[in-house]
Amino acid sequence: MATPPKAAAKTKAPAKPKAPAKPKAAGAAPNALQKPLTPSPELAEIVGKDMLSRGQVVSKVWDYIRAHNLQNPADKREILADAKLAKVFGRDKCTMFEMNKYLAMHLK
């Protein structure tokens, strides 16, 4: 039996050197997650009246949820809203994935 001919070895192209990261200017505008926003009166009852970035708002809302034991014990992804959160969410419960959609409506 004849052995099949060996395939030619493939050669990789040399990797292109990466360009160095550009340093941000000292006066550069913050990105969308870092931009300070004003919460609505309903959201301000939970996070305070000060201007906060989206990340800070989400963190404070999670602190509030944990402090008031508002996660569904059977499904931790589900948030059971109390009176204050129901004003923000517009419903009695939502998932953690939907929460940011409702928070965005209360940030200007």
C-alpha atoms as a PDB file:
ATOM      1  CA  MET A   1       0.000   0.000   0.000  1.00  0.00           C
ATOM      2  CA  ALA A   2       1.169   3.410  -0.827  1.00  0.00           C
ATOM      3  CA  THR A   3       1.067   6.104   1.805  1.00  0.00           C
ATOM      4  CA  PRO A   4      -0.719   9.323   0.914  1.00  0.00           C
ATOM      5  CA  PRO A   5       1.543  12.295   0.236  1.00  0.00           C
ATOM      6  CA  LYS A   6       2.015  14.661   3.182  1.00  0.00           C
ATOM      7  CA  ALA A   7       0.363  18.038   2.986  1.00  0.00           C
ATOM      8  CA  ALA A   8       2.634  21.021   2.807  1.00  0.00           C
ATOM      9  CA  ALA A   9       3.151  22.652   6.181  1.00  0.00           C
ATOM     10  CA  LYS A  10       1.191  25.860   6.589  1.00  0.00           C
ATOM     11  CA  THR A  11       3.146  28.873   7.658  1.00  0.00           C
ATOM     12  CA  LYS A  12       1.660  31.562   9.799  1.00  0.00           C
ATOM     13  CA  ALA A  13       2.034  35.161   8.865  1.00  0.00           C
ATOM     14  CA  PRO A  14       4.070  37.059  11.423  1.00  0.00           C
ATOM     15  CA  ALA A  15       1.895  38.805  13.994  1.00  0.00           C
ATOM     16  CA  LYS A  16       1.518  42.525  13.552  1.00  0.00           C
ATOM     17  CA  PRO A  17       2.830  44.525  16.471  1.00  0.00           C
ATOM     18  CA  LYS A  18       0.044  46.203  18.423  1.00  0.00           C
ATOM     19  CA  ALA A  19      -0.046  49.947  18.517  1.00  0.00           C
ATOM     20  CA  PRO A  20       0.551  51.357  22.000  1.00  0.00           C
ATOM     21  CA  ALA A  21      -2.593  52.465  23.811  1.00  0.00           C
ATOM     22  CA  LYS A  22      -3.246  56.166  23.525  1.00  0.00           C
ATOM     23  CA  PRO A  23      -3.209  57.925  26.869  1.00  0.00           C
ATOM     24  CA  LYS A  24      -6.410  59.786  27.659  1.00  0.00           C
ATOM     25  CA  ALA A  25      -6.210  63.517  27.841  1.00  0.00           C
ATOM     26  CA  ALA A  26      -6.617  64.975  31.313  1.00  0.00           C
ATOM     27  CA  GLY A  27      -9.727  66.905  30.245  1.00  0.00           C
ATOM     28  CA  ALA A  28     -11.322  64.034  28.269  1.00  0.00           C
ATOM     29  CA  ALA A  29     -15.073  63.661  28.606  1.00  0.00           C
ATOM     30  CA  PRO A  30     -16.233  60.680  30.662  1.00  0.00           C
ATOM     31  CA  ASN A  31     -17.856  57.796  28.839  1.00  0.00           C
ATOM     32  CA  ALA A  32     -21.576  57.014  29.162  1.00  0.00           C
ATOM     33  CA  LEU A  33     -21.122  54.848  32.259  1.00  0.00           C
ATOM     34  CA  GLN A  34     -19.069  57.483  34.085  1.00  0.00           C
ATOM     35  CA  LYS A  35     -21.129  60.541  33.197  1.00  0.00           C
ATOM     36  CA  PRO A  36     -22.865  61.993  36.277  1.00  0.00           C
ATOM     37  CA  LEU A  37     -26.651  61.927  35.955  1.00  0.00           C
ATOM     38  CA  THR A  38     -29.483  63.313  38.074  1.00  0.00           C
ATOM     39  CA  PRO A  39     -31.907  60.733  39.482  1.00  0.00           C
ATOM     40  CA  SER A  40     -35.674  61.271  39.335  1.00  0.00           C
ATOM     41  CA  PRO A  41     -37.471  62.020  42.625  1.00  0.00           C
ATOM     42  CA  GLU A  42     -38.635  58.371  42.795  1.00  0.00           C
ATOM     43  CA  LEU A  43     -35.111  57.014  42.320  1.00  0.00           C
ATOM     44  CA  ALA A  44     -33.663  59.670  44.634  1.00  0.00           C
ATOM     45  CA  GLU A  45     -35.608  58.080  47.520  1.00  0.00           C
ATOM     46  CA  ILE A  46     -33.341  55.046  47.106  1.00  0.00           C
ATOM     47  CA  VAL A  47     -29.974  56.414  45.924  1.00  0.00           C
ATOM     48  CA  GLY A  48     -30.020  60.013  47.165  1.00  0.00           C
ATOM     49  CA  LYS A  49     -30.384  63.333  45.376  1.00  0.00           C
ATOM     50  CA  ASP A  50     -26.730  63.748  44.342  1.00  0.00           C
ATOM     51  CA  MET A  51     -25.620  63.304  40.744  1.00  0.00           C
ATOM     52  CA  LEU A  52     -24.279  59.779  40.218  1.00  0.00           C
ATOM     53  CA  SER A  53     -22.891  57.719  37.360  1.00  0.00           C
ATOM     54  CA  ARG A  54     -24.926  54.773  36.071  1.00  0.00           C
ATOM     55  CA  GLY A  55     -22.558  52.351  37.756  1.00  0.00           C
ATOM     56  CA  GLN A  56     -22.942  54.088  41.110  1.00  0.00           C
ATOM     57  CA  VAL A  57     -26.745  54.082  40.765  1.00  0.00           C
ATOM     58  CA  VAL A  58     -26.828  50.348  40.014  1.00  0.00           C
ATOM     59  CA  SER A  59     -24.510  49.667  42.946  1.00  0.00           C
ATOM     60  CA  LYS A  60     -26.673  51.693  45.351  1.00  0.00           C
ATOM     61  CA  VAL A  61     -29.859  50.019  44.116  1.00  0.00           C
ATOM     62  CA  TRP A  62     -28.272  46.605  44.706  1.00  0.00           C
ATOM     63  CA  ASP A  63     -27.231  47.718  48.193  1.00  0.00           C
ATOM     64  CA  TYR A  64     -30.871  48.714  48.821  1.00  0.00           C
ATOM     65  CA  ILE A  65     -32.166  45.387  47.443  1.00  0.00           C
ATOM     66  CA  ARG A  66     -29.834  43.367  49.664  1.00  0.00           C
ATOM     67  CA  ALA A  67     -30.466  45.505  52.766  1.00  0.00           C
ATOM     68  CA  HIS A  68     -34.240  45.044  52.409  1.00  0.00           C
ATOM     69  CA  ASN A  69     -34.044  41.368  51.368  1.00  0.00           C
ATOM     70  CA  LEU A  70     -35.914  41.978  48.089  1.00  0.00           C
ATOM     71  CA  GLN A  71     -34.520  39.088  46.039  1.00  0.00           C
ATOM     72  CA  ASN A  72     -36.848  36.152  45.474  1.00  0.00           C
ATOM     73  CA  PRO A  73     -35.418  33.310  47.620  1.00  0.00           C
ATOM     74  CA  ALA A  74     -36.472  30.717  45.011  1.00  0.00           C
ATOM     75  CA  ASP A  75     -34.902  32.645  42.090  1.00  0.00           C
ATOM     76  CA  LYS A  76     -32.213  35.154  43.065  1.00  0.00           C
ATOM     77  CA  ARG A  77     -32.394  36.724  39.589  1.00  0.00           C
ATOM     78  CA  GLU A  78     -35.849  38.078  40.390  1.00  0.00           C
ATOM     79  CA  ILE A  79     -36.303  41.273  42.399  1.00  0.00           C
ATOM     80  CA  LEU A  80     -39.498  41.672  44.420  1.00  0.00           C
ATOM     81  CA  ALA A  81     -40.134  45.410  44.575  1.00  0.00           C
ATOM     82  CA  ASP A  82     -41.244  47.153  47.750  1.00  0.00           C
ATOM     83  CA  ALA A  83     -43.225  50.430  47.585  1.00  0.00           C
ATOM     84  CA  LYS A  84     -40.156  52.562  46.701  1.00  0.00           C
ATOM     85  CA  LEU A  85     -38.826  50.214  44.023  1.00  0.00           C
ATOM     86  CA  ALA A  86     -42.299  49.697  42.558  1.00  0.00           C
ATOM     87  CA  LYS A  87     -42.359  53.449  41.786  1.00  0.00           C
ATOM     88  CA  VAL A  88     -39.079  53.093  39.884  1.00  0.00           C
ATOM     89  CA  PHE A  89     -39.828  49.789  38.130  1.00  0.00           C
ATOM     90  CA  GLY A  90     -43.501  50.482  37.490  1.00  0.00           C
ATOM     91  CA  ARG A  91     -44.280  46.883  38.502  1.00  0.00           C
ATOM     92  CA  ASP A  92     -44.129  44.561  41.503  1.00  0.00           C
ATOM     93  CA  LYS A  93     -41.191  42.471  40.300  1.00  0.00           C
ATOM     94  CA  CYS A  94     -38.575  42.317  37.580  1.00  0.00           C
ATOM     95  CA  THR A  95     -35.430  40.370  36.774  1.00  0.00           C
ATOM     96  CA  MET A  96     -31.963  41.705  37.412  1.00  0.00           C
ATOM     97  CA  PHE A  97     -31.519  41.883  33.638  1.00  0.00           C
ATOM     98  CA  GLU A  98     -34.529  44.185  33.205  1.00  0.00           C
ATOM     99  CA  MET A  99     -33.553  46.426  36.107  1.00  0.00           C
ATOM    100  CA  ASN A 100     -31.170  48.655  34.118  1.00  0.00           C
ATOM    101  CA  LYS A 101     -33.904  49.388  31.572  1.00  0.00           C
ATOM    102  CA  TYR A 102     -36.151  50.751  34.334  1.00  0.00           C
ATOM    103  CA  LEU A 103     -33.319  52.672  36.014  1.00  0.00           C
ATOM    104  CA  ALA A 104     -32.413  54.364  32.720  1.00  0.00           C
ATOM    105  CA  MET A 105     -35.893  55.896  32.556  1.00  0.00           C
ATOM    106  CA  HIS A 106     -35.205  57.647  35.891  1.00  0.00           C
ATOM    107  CA  LEU A 107     -31.797  59.164  35.019  1.00  0.00           C
ATOM    108  CA  LYS A 108     -31.322  62.478  33.198  1.00  0.00           C
END
